[in-house]
Amino acid sequence: MADHEYGAAPAGREKVLLRAPFRHSRDLQAGIHPPCSRCPRAAWLAIAALTLLTGCFRFGQPAPEIRSYRLDYPSPEVSGTALPVILRVPALTVAAVYDRESIVYRQDDYSTAADFYDRWSANPGAMLADLLARDLDASGLYRAVQHSPSMVPSDYQVTGEVEDIEERITGDACSAHLHLRTLVLRVRAGKGDPVVMRETYNADEPCPCNDSLALANAMSKAMQSISAKMQQAVYDAIRADLR
C-alpha cells in the first residue's frame, strides 16, 4: 500500500509522510499488520505491571502509620567546681549497622532486623549528642558548651561513636542495649598527647517485647545512666589535664 502525502514540505526540509488509516482485510493480504500485532510482548508487560500495581496497593485503606520516638530524661547531677574551659560536642559517629533512623532489633550474635514503621526521631549519632551536650551544659561546670558551629574556639572536644543502639531479644525477654565509645580531645596546642580521655560505656534496661514506646523509655534510662558516668569521667579528665 502506498503512503499518502499531505501538503508539500517547506523548502530545505524533508516531506512529512503520514500513513492512511489501516484497512484490516486488504492490508493483511498485502502483508501489512496493525502496530499492536508487532509488539505483543509490550502489551503483556503492560498488563503484568498493572496487575502488580493493583496487588500492591489496597485501594480505600489508609497507609500504615510511621511512628517516631525520641529519648528524654532529667539531666543527671554532677558535682564539682566550675572549670574555665569551653567544650564542643559534635554529632557522634555511628556504627554502620545502626546508622539509620529505623529501630534495630537483634536476636543473636548475627541476626538483625530494622523496623520500617517504628523509627528514632533523628539519626542516633545526632540524637545522643544532643542529649550529651544538654547534660554537660546543665551541669554548670564549664564556661560554655558548644553543639552547633561557632566562631568561638573551644578548649576540649567531647566526641565518640555509637557502637550499639538496639532492642535485644533473648528468649521471651527483651532489653534496650546501648554501647558508646567516648573520646575527650584537647583542641588547643598544649602538652603531650591530645587524647585526654578514652572510655567505653554499656547499659542495658529491660523492657516489654514488641513495644517501641516501652523501648524508647528503657533506652532513655540507659542513656541517663551512661550520661551520669560519662559526665563525671569527662570532668575529672579535664580537671586533671588543667593541672
Foldseek 3Di string as FASTA:
>chain_A
DDWDFDDDDDPPDDGDTDHDDDDPPVCVVVVHDDPCVVCVVVVVVVVVVVVVVPVVDDPPDDDDAAAEFAADDDQDEDDDAADAFEEEQEFAAEDPVQQDFFAKEDADPPDIDTDPRYGYPDGVRRRLSVVLQVNLVVNNRYPYYHYDDDPDDGQKYKYWYWHDFHWYDYPQWIKTKTKIWIWIAGDDDDDDDRTQDTDIDIFIFTFHPPDVVRNSHRVNVRSSVVSRVVSNVVVVSVVVVVD
